[in-house]
Amino acid sequence: MNVDAELKMMSTDKLRKLVQETEETLGDIKQEIERRENAAQAREIEHLDVHMKNAELSLETIRNFFRYLREEMRKD
């Protein structure tokens, strides 16, 4: 028997109960997603100093490259 046929055979009260249970489960799933997202955000904030150091190193690399280019242009 397919789902449509099963739903047609259920009483209205059972359908309402199924909807309520489904909504509760969906609420639980949404809460879990939010919890995981918040935990991931907290982990990233904990490592913010590492991200900042990497950005500083990248910027220093770019500065060094421009210094090199400037020196090479002055040679010509």
PDB file of N, CA and C in Angstrom:
ATOM      1  N   MET A   1       0.847  -1.168   0.000  1.00  0.00           N
ATOM      2  CA  MET A   1       0.000   0.000   0.000  1.00  0.00           C
ATOM      3  C   MET A   1       0.900   1.242   0.000  1.00  0.00           C
ATOM      4  N   ASN A   2       0.582   2.229  -0.852  1.00  0.00           N
ATOM      5  CA  ASN A   2       1.423   3.413  -0.911  1.00  0.00           C
ATOM      6  C   ASN A   2       1.015   4.436   0.156  1.00  0.00           C
ATOM      7  N   VAL A   3       1.803   5.482   0.287  1.00  0.00           N
ATOM      8  CA  VAL A   3       1.591   6.477   1.333  1.00  0.00           C
ATOM      9  C   VAL A   3       0.255   7.183   1.164  1.00  0.00           C
ATOM     10  N   ASP A   4      -0.098   7.533  -0.066  1.00  0.00           N
ATOM     11  CA  ASP A   4      -1.383   8.213  -0.301  1.00  0.00           C
ATOM     12  C   ASP A   4      -2.549   7.365   0.194  1.00  0.00           C
ATOM     13  N   ALA A   5      -2.504   6.104  -0.101  1.00  0.00           N
ATOM     14  CA  ALA A   5      -3.592   5.211   0.317  1.00  0.00           C
ATOM     15  C   ALA A   5      -3.628   5.098   1.841  1.00  0.00           C
ATOM     16  N   GLU A   6      -2.452   5.035   2.450  1.00  0.00           N
ATOM     17  CA  GLU A   6      -2.401   4.949   3.921  1.00  0.00           C
ATOM     18  C   GLU A   6      -2.975   6.212   4.553  1.00  0.00           C
ATOM     19  N   LEU A   7      -2.623   7.370   4.007  1.00  0.00           N
ATOM     20  CA  LEU A   7      -3.125   8.630   4.556  1.00  0.00           C
ATOM     21  C   LEU A   7      -4.638   8.731   4.413  1.00  0.00           C
ATOM     22  N   LYS A   8      -5.175   8.259   3.308  1.00  0.00           N
ATOM     23  CA  LYS A   8      -6.623   8.315   3.086  1.00  0.00           C
ATOM     24  C   LYS A   8      -7.377   7.418   4.055  1.00  0.00           C
ATOM     25  N   MET A   9      -6.707   6.372   4.530  1.00  0.00           N
ATOM     26  CA  MET A   9      -7.361   5.445   5.444  1.00  0.00           C
ATOM     27  C   MET A   9      -7.271   5.902   6.898  1.00  0.00           C
ATOM     28  N   MET A  10      -6.389   6.853   7.208  1.00  0.00           N
ATOM     29  CA  MET A  10      -6.202   7.310   8.591  1.00  0.00           C
ATOM     30  C   MET A  10      -7.325   8.263   8.986  1.00  0.00           C
ATOM     31  N   SER A  11      -7.665   8.229  10.243  1.00  0.00           N
ATOM     32  CA  SER A  11      -8.683   9.163  10.729  1.00  0.00           C
ATOM     33  C   SER A  11      -8.083  10.569  10.811  1.00  0.00           C
ATOM     34  N   THR A  12      -8.956  11.545  10.877  1.00  0.00           N
ATOM     35  CA  THR A  12      -8.509  12.938  10.968  1.00  0.00           C
ATOM     36  C   THR A  12      -7.683  13.154  12.227  1.00  0.00           C
ATOM     37  N   ASP A  13      -8.085  12.550  13.319  1.00  0.00           N
ATOM     38  CA  ASP A  13      -7.332  12.684  14.579  1.00  0.00           C
ATOM     39  C   ASP A  13      -5.924  12.116  14.440  1.00  0.00           C
ATOM     40  N   LYS A  14      -5.810  10.964  13.795  1.00  0.00           N
ATOM     41  CA  LYS A  14      -4.489  10.366  13.592  1.00  0.00           C
ATOM     42  C   LYS A  14      -3.636  11.234  12.675  1.00  0.00           C
ATOM     43  N   LEU A  15      -4.265  11.825  11.660  1.00  0.00           N
ATOM     44  CA  LEU A  15      -3.531  12.721  10.763  1.00  0.00           C
ATOM     45  C   LEU A  15      -3.027  13.950  11.519  1.00  0.00           C
ATOM     46  N   ARG A  16      -3.890  14.514  12.368  1.00  0.00           N
ATOM     47  CA  ARG A  16      -3.472  15.667  13.181  1.00  0.00           C
ATOM     48  C   ARG A  16      -2.312  15.295  14.096  1.00  0.00           C
ATOM     49  N   LYS A  17      -2.384  14.117  14.687  1.00  0.00           N
ATOM     50  CA  LYS A  17      -1.310  13.665  15.568  1.00  0.00           C
ATOM     51  C   LYS A  17      -0.012  13.491  14.776  1.00  0.00           C
ATOM     52  N   LEU A  18      -0.129  12.947  13.578  1.00  0.00           N
ATOM     53  CA  LEU A  18       1.037  12.760  12.719  1.00  0.00           C
ATOM     54  C   LEU A  18       1.659  14.111  12.354  1.00  0.00           C
ATOM     55  N   VAL A  19       0.823  15.086  12.049  1.00  0.00           N
ATOM     56  CA  VAL A  19       1.313  16.429  11.738  1.00  0.00           C
ATOM     57  C   VAL A  19       2.029  17.011  12.956  1.00  0.00           C
ATOM     58  N   GLN A  20       1.429  16.879  14.132  1.00  0.00           N
ATOM     59  CA  GLN A  20       2.040  17.399  15.355  1.00  0.00           C
ATOM     60  C   GLN A  20       3.401  16.741  15.620  1.00  0.00           C
ATOM     61  N   GLU A  21       3.456  15.436  15.490  1.00  0.00           N
ATOM     62  CA  GLU A  21       4.721  14.726  15.706  1.00  0.00           C
ATOM     63  C   GLU A  21       5.771  15.142  14.682  1.00  0.00           C
ATOM     64  N   THR A  22       5.325  15.325  13.441  1.00  0.00           N
ATOM     65  CA  THR A  22       6.240  15.743  12.378  1.00  0.00           C
ATOM     66  C   THR A  22       6.783  17.139  12.654  1.00  0.00           C
ATOM     67  N   GLU A  23       5.918  18.054  13.093  1.00  0.00           N
ATOM     68  CA  GLU A  23       6.344  19.419  13.412  1.00  0.00           C
ATOM     69  C   GLU A  23       7.327  19.424  14.591  1.00  0.00           C
ATOM     70  N   GLU A  24       7.064  18.585  15.593  1.00  0.00           N
ATOM     71  CA  GLU A  24       7.971  18.493  16.736  1.00  0.00           C
ATOM     72  C   GLU A  24       9.337  17.967  16.302  1.00  0.00           C
ATOM     73  N   THR A  25       9.318  16.949  15.466  1.00  0.00           N
ATOM     74  CA  THR A  25      10.575  16.388  14.960  1.00  0.00           C
ATOM     75  C   THR A  25      11.324  17.423  14.132  1.00  0.00           C
ATOM     76  N   LEU A  26      10.612  18.155  13.297  1.00  0.00           N
ATOM     77  CA  LEU A  26      11.227  19.207  12.498  1.00  0.00           C
ATOM     78  C   LEU A  26      11.835  20.281  13.399  1.00  0.00           C
ATOM     79  N   GLY A  27      11.138  20.641  14.462  1.00  0.00           N
ATOM     80  CA  GLY A  27      11.671  21.600  15.426  1.00  0.00           C
ATOM     81  C   GLY A  27      12.957  21.098  16.061  1.00  0.00           C
ATOM     82  N   ASP A  28      12.981  19.823  16.425  1.00  0.00           N
ATOM     83  CA  ASP A  28      14.190  19.222  17.005  1.00  0.00           C
ATOM     84  C   ASP A  28      15.350  19.267  16.010  1.00  0.00           C
ATOM     85  N   ILE A  29      15.059  18.959  14.765  1.00  0.00           N
ATOM     86  CA  ILE A  29      16.097  18.972  13.724  1.00  0.00           C
ATOM     87  C   ILE A  29      16.630  20.388  13.536  1.00  0.00           C
ATOM     88  N   LYS A  30      15.751  21.380  13.511  1.00  0.00           N
ATOM     89  CA  LYS A  30      16.175  22.771  13.365  1.00  0.00           C
ATOM     90  C   LYS A  30      17.054  23.199  14.544  1.00  0.00           C
ATOM     91  N   GLN A  31      16.691  22.798  15.745  1.00  0.00           N
ATOM     92  CA  GLN A  31      17.503  23.117  16.916  1.00  0.00           C
ATOM     93  C   GLN A  31      18.884  22.485  16.822  1.00  0.00           C
ATOM     94  N   GLU A  32      18.944  21.262  16.338  1.00  0.00           N
ATOM     95  CA  GLU A  32      20.231  20.574  16.194  1.00  0.00           C
ATOM     96  C   GLU A  32      21.106  21.275  15.158  1.00  0.00           C
ATOM     97  N   ILE A  33      20.497  21.696  14.062  1.00  0.00           N
ATOM     98  CA  ILE A  33      21.250  22.430  13.036  1.00  0.00           C
ATOM     99  C   ILE A  33      21.806  23.715  13.630  1.00  0.00           C
ATOM    100  N   GLU A  34      20.980  24.452  14.370  1.00  0.00           N
ATOM    101  CA  GLU A  34      21.429  25.700  14.988  1.00  0.00           C
ATOM    102  C   GLU A  34      22.555  25.443  15.987  1.00  0.00           C
ATOM    103  N   ARG A  35      22.430  24.378  16.768  1.00  0.00           N
ATOM    104  CA  ARG A  35      23.467  24.031  17.745  1.00  0.00           C
ATOM    105  C   ARG A  35      24.795  23.753  17.038  1.00  0.00           C
ATOM    106  N   ARG A  36      24.729  22.992  15.944  1.00  0.00           N
ATOM    107  CA  ARG A  36      25.952  22.666  15.199  1.00  0.00           C
ATOM    108  C   ARG A  36      26.573  23.906  14.569  1.00  0.00           C
ATOM    109  N   GLU A  37      25.726  24.778  14.007  1.00  0.00           N
ATOM    110  CA  GLU A  37      26.242  26.008  13.410  1.00  0.00           C
ATOM    111  C   GLU A  37      26.897  26.898  14.455  1.00  0.00           C
ATOM    112  N   ASN A  38      26.269  27.007  15.619  1.00  0.00           N
ATOM    113  CA  ASN A  38      26.842  27.809  16.701  1.00  0.00           C
ATOM    114  C   ASN A  38      28.162  27.221  17.194  1.00  0.00           C
ATOM    115  N   ALA A  39      28.224  25.910  17.278  1.00  0.00           N
ATOM    116  CA  ALA A  39      29.469  25.255  17.711  1.00  0.00           C
ATOM    117  C   ALA A  39      30.583  25.491  16.691  1.00  0.00           C
ATOM    118  N   ALA A  40      30.245  25.406  15.412  1.00  0.00           N
ATOM    119  CA  ALA A  40      31.246  25.647  14.368  1.00  0.00           C
ATOM    120  C   ALA A  40      31.727  27.092  14.416  1.00  0.00           C
ATOM    121  N   GLN A  41      30.805  28.006  14.639  1.00  0.00           N
ATOM    122  CA  GLN A  41      31.172  29.418  14.747  1.00  0.00           C
ATOM    123  C   GLN A  41      32.090  29.641  15.940  1.00  0.00           C
ATOM    124  N   ALA A  42      31.793  29.017  17.054  1.00  0.00           N
ATOM    125  CA  ALA A  42      32.618  29.158  18.253  1.00  0.00           C
ATOM    126  C   ALA A  42      34.026  28.624  18.009  1.00  0.00           C
ATOM    127  N   ARG A  43      34.135  27.506  17.282  1.00  0.00           N
ATOM    128  CA  ARG A  43      35.456  26.946  16.967  1.00  0.00           C
ATOM    129  C   ARG A  43      36.254  27.917  16.103  1.00  0.00           C
ATOM    130  N   GLU A  44      35.598  28.538  15.136  1.00  0.00           N
ATOM    131  CA  GLU A  44      36.292  29.491  14.274  1.00  0.00           C
ATOM    132  C   GLU A  44      36.750  30.705  15.066  1.00  0.00           C
ATOM    133  N   ILE A  45      35.927  31.169  15.987  1.00  0.00           N
ATOM    134  CA  ILE A  45      36.310  32.313  16.816  1.00  0.00           C
ATOM    135  C   ILE A  45      37.506  31.952  17.686  1.00  0.00           C
ATOM    136  N   GLU A  46      37.538  30.723  18.199  1.00  0.00           N
ATOM    137  CA  GLU A  46      38.672  30.275  19.012  1.00  0.00           C
ATOM    138  C   GLU A  46      39.975  30.312  18.209  1.00  0.00           C
ATOM    139  N   HIS A  47      39.879  30.119  16.898  1.00  0.00           N
ATOM    140  CA  HIS A  47      41.068  30.091  16.046  1.00  0.00           C
ATOM    141  C   HIS A  47      41.270  31.400  15.293  1.00  0.00           C
ATOM    142  N   LEU A  48      40.605  32.446  15.736  1.00  0.00           N
ATOM    143  CA  LEU A  48      40.698  33.731  15.054  1.00  0.00           C
ATOM    144  C   LEU A  48      42.130  34.251  15.016  1.00  0.00           C
ATOM    145  N   ASP A  49      42.875  34.034  16.099  1.00  0.00           N
ATOM    146  CA  ASP A  49      44.263  34.500  16.123  1.00  0.00           C
ATOM    147  C   ASP A  49      45.092  33.828  15.027  1.00  0.00           C
ATOM    148  N   VAL A  50      44.821  32.569  14.751  1.00  0.00           N
ATOM    149  CA  VAL A  50      45.531  31.851  13.690  1.00  0.00           C
ATOM    150  C   VAL A  50      45.154  32.440  12.327  1.00  0.00           C
ATOM    151  N   HIS A  51      43.866  32.716  12.142  1.00  0.00           N
ATOM    152  CA  HIS A  51      43.416  33.309  10.881  1.00  0.00           C
ATOM    153  C   HIS A  51      44.063  34.684  10.680  1.00  0.00           C
ATOM    154  N   MET A  52      44.135  35.466  11.747  1.00  0.00           N
ATOM    155  CA  MET A  52      44.737  36.794  11.646  1.00  0.00           C
ATOM    156  C   MET A  52      46.227  36.688  11.318  1.00  0.00           C
ATOM    157  N   LYS A  53      46.919  35.758  11.936  1.00  0.00           N
ATOM    158  CA  LYS A  53      48.344  35.572  11.667  1.00  0.00           C
ATOM    159  C   LYS A  53      48.552  35.156  10.203  1.00  0.00           C
ATOM    160  N   ASN A  54      47.712  34.268   9.708  1.00  0.00           N
ATOM    161  CA  ASN A  54      47.806  33.861   8.302  1.00  0.00           C
ATOM    162  C   ASN A  54      47.564  35.047   7.367  1.00  0.00           C
ATOM    163  N   ALA A  55      46.621  35.898   7.720  1.00  0.00           N
ATOM    164  CA  ALA A  55      46.352  37.081   6.901  1.00  0.00           C
ATOM    165  C   ALA A  55      47.551  38.023   6.922  1.00  0.00           C
ATOM    166  N   GLU A  56      48.149  38.184   8.098  1.00  0.00           N
ATOM    167  CA  GLU A  56      49.335  39.039   8.210  1.00  0.00           C
ATOM    168  C   GLU A  56      50.485  38.497   7.363  1.00  0.00           C
ATOM    169  N   LEU A  57      50.682  37.190   7.398  1.00  0.00           N
ATOM    170  CA  LEU A  57      51.751  36.579   6.604  1.00  0.00           C
ATOM    171  C   LEU A  57      51.484  36.741   5.109  1.00  0.00           C
ATOM    172  N   SER A  58      50.239  36.593   4.713  1.00  0.00           N
ATOM    173  CA  SER A  58      49.889  36.765   3.304  1.00  0.00           C
ATOM    174  C   SER A  58      50.134  38.208   2.875  1.00  0.00           C
ATOM    175  N   LEU A  59      49.762  39.145   3.711  1.00  0.00           N
ATOM    176  CA  LEU A  59      49.980  40.551   3.396  1.00  0.00           C
ATOM    177  C   LEU A  59      51.469  40.864   3.310  1.00  0.00           C
ATOM    178  N   GLU A  60      52.256  40.300   4.196  1.00  0.00           N
ATOM    179  CA  GLU A  60      53.702  40.510   4.162  1.00  0.00           C
ATOM    180  C   GLU A  60      54.304  39.929   2.881  1.00  0.00           C
ATOM    181  N   THR A  61      53.810  38.798   2.447  1.00  0.00           N
ATOM    182  CA  THR A  61      54.275  38.200   1.198  1.00  0.00           C
ATOM    183  C   THR A  61      53.974  39.126   0.015  1.00  0.00           C
ATOM    184  N   ILE A  62      52.791  39.691   0.004  1.00  0.00           N
ATOM    185  CA  ILE A  62      52.419  40.623  -1.067  1.00  0.00           C
ATOM    186  C   ILE A  62      53.316  41.859  -1.023  1.00  0.00           C
ATOM    187  N   ARG A  63      53.559  42.386   0.166  1.00  0.00           N
ATOM    188  CA  ARG A  63      54.443  43.551   0.300  1.00  0.00           C
ATOM    189  C   ARG A  63      55.843  43.238  -0.219  1.00  0.00           C
ATOM    190  N   ASN A  64      56.347  42.084   0.140  1.00  0.00           N
ATOM    191  CA  ASN A  64      57.680  41.691  -0.330  1.00  0.00           C
ATOM    192  C   ASN A  64      57.720  41.578  -1.850  1.00  0.00           C
ATOM    193  N   PHE A  65      56.673  41.059  -2.425  1.00  0.00           N
ATOM    194  CA  PHE A  65      56.608  40.932  -3.867  1.00  0.00           C
ATOM    195  C   PHE A  65      56.633  42.314  -4.533  1.00  0.00           C
ATOM    196  N   PHE A  66      55.855  43.252  -3.999  1.00  0.00           N
ATOM    197  CA  PHE A  66      55.855  44.602  -4.563  1.00  0.00           C
ATOM    198  C   PHE A  66      57.216  45.284  -4.389  1.00  0.00           C
ATOM    199  N   ARG A  67      57.867  45.046  -3.255  1.00  0.00           N
ATOM    200  CA  ARG A  67      59.221  45.593  -3.069  1.00  0.00           C
ATOM    201  C   ARG A  67      60.171  45.040  -4.138  1.00  0.00           C
ATOM    202  N   TYR A  68      60.063  43.754  -4.356  1.00  0.00           N
ATOM    203  CA  TYR A  68      60.894  43.105  -5.374  1.00  0.00           C
ATOM    204  C   TYR A  68      60.628  43.724  -6.747  1.00  0.00           C
ATOM    205  N   LEU A  69      59.356  43.878  -7.105  1.00  0.00           N
ATOM    206  CA  LEU A  69      59.017  44.461  -8.401  1.00  0.00           C
ATOM    207  C   LEU A  69      59.555  45.886  -8.525  1.00  0.00           C
ATOM    208  N   ARG A  70      59.405  46.662  -7.469  1.00  0.00           N
ATOM    209  CA  ARG A  70      59.883  48.038  -7.492  1.00  0.00           C
ATOM    210  C   ARG A  70      61.397  48.081  -7.689  1.00  0.00           C
ATOM    211  N   GLU A  71      62.115  47.212  -6.986  1.00  0.00           N
ATOM    212  CA  GLU A  71      63.567  47.167  -7.111  1.00  0.00           C
ATOM    213  C   GLU A  71      63.974  46.727  -8.527  1.00  0.00           C
ATOM    214  N   GLU A  72      63.257  45.782  -9.067  1.00  0.00           N
ATOM    215  CA  GLU A  72      63.563  45.323 -10.427  1.00  0.00           C
ATOM    216  C   GLU A  72      63.294  46.425 -11.456  1.00  0.00           C
ATOM    217  N   MET A  73      62.252  47.179 -11.252  1.00  0.00           N
ATOM    218  CA  MET A  73      61.932  48.268 -12.183  1.00  0.00           C
ATOM    219  C   MET A  73      62.988  49.384 -12.101  1.00  0.00           C
ATOM    220  N   ARG A  74      63.517  49.613 -10.921  1.00  0.00           N
ATOM    221  CA  ARG A  74      64.537  50.652 -10.744  1.00  0.00           C
ATOM    222  C   ARG A  74      65.861  50.241 -11.389  1.00  0.00           C
ATOM    223  N   LYS A  75      66.103  48.956 -11.484  1.00  0.00           N
ATOM    224  CA  LYS A  75      67.348  48.464 -12.086  1.00  0.00           C
ATOM    225  C   LYS A  75      67.380  48.791 -13.573  1.00  0.00           C
ATOM    226  N   ASP A  76      66.212  48.784 -14.207  1.00  0.00           N
ATOM    227  CA  ASP A  76      66.160  48.994 -15.669  1.00  0.00           C
ATOM    228  C   ASP A  76      66.261  50.406 -16.025  1.00  0.00           C
TER     229      ASP A  76
END
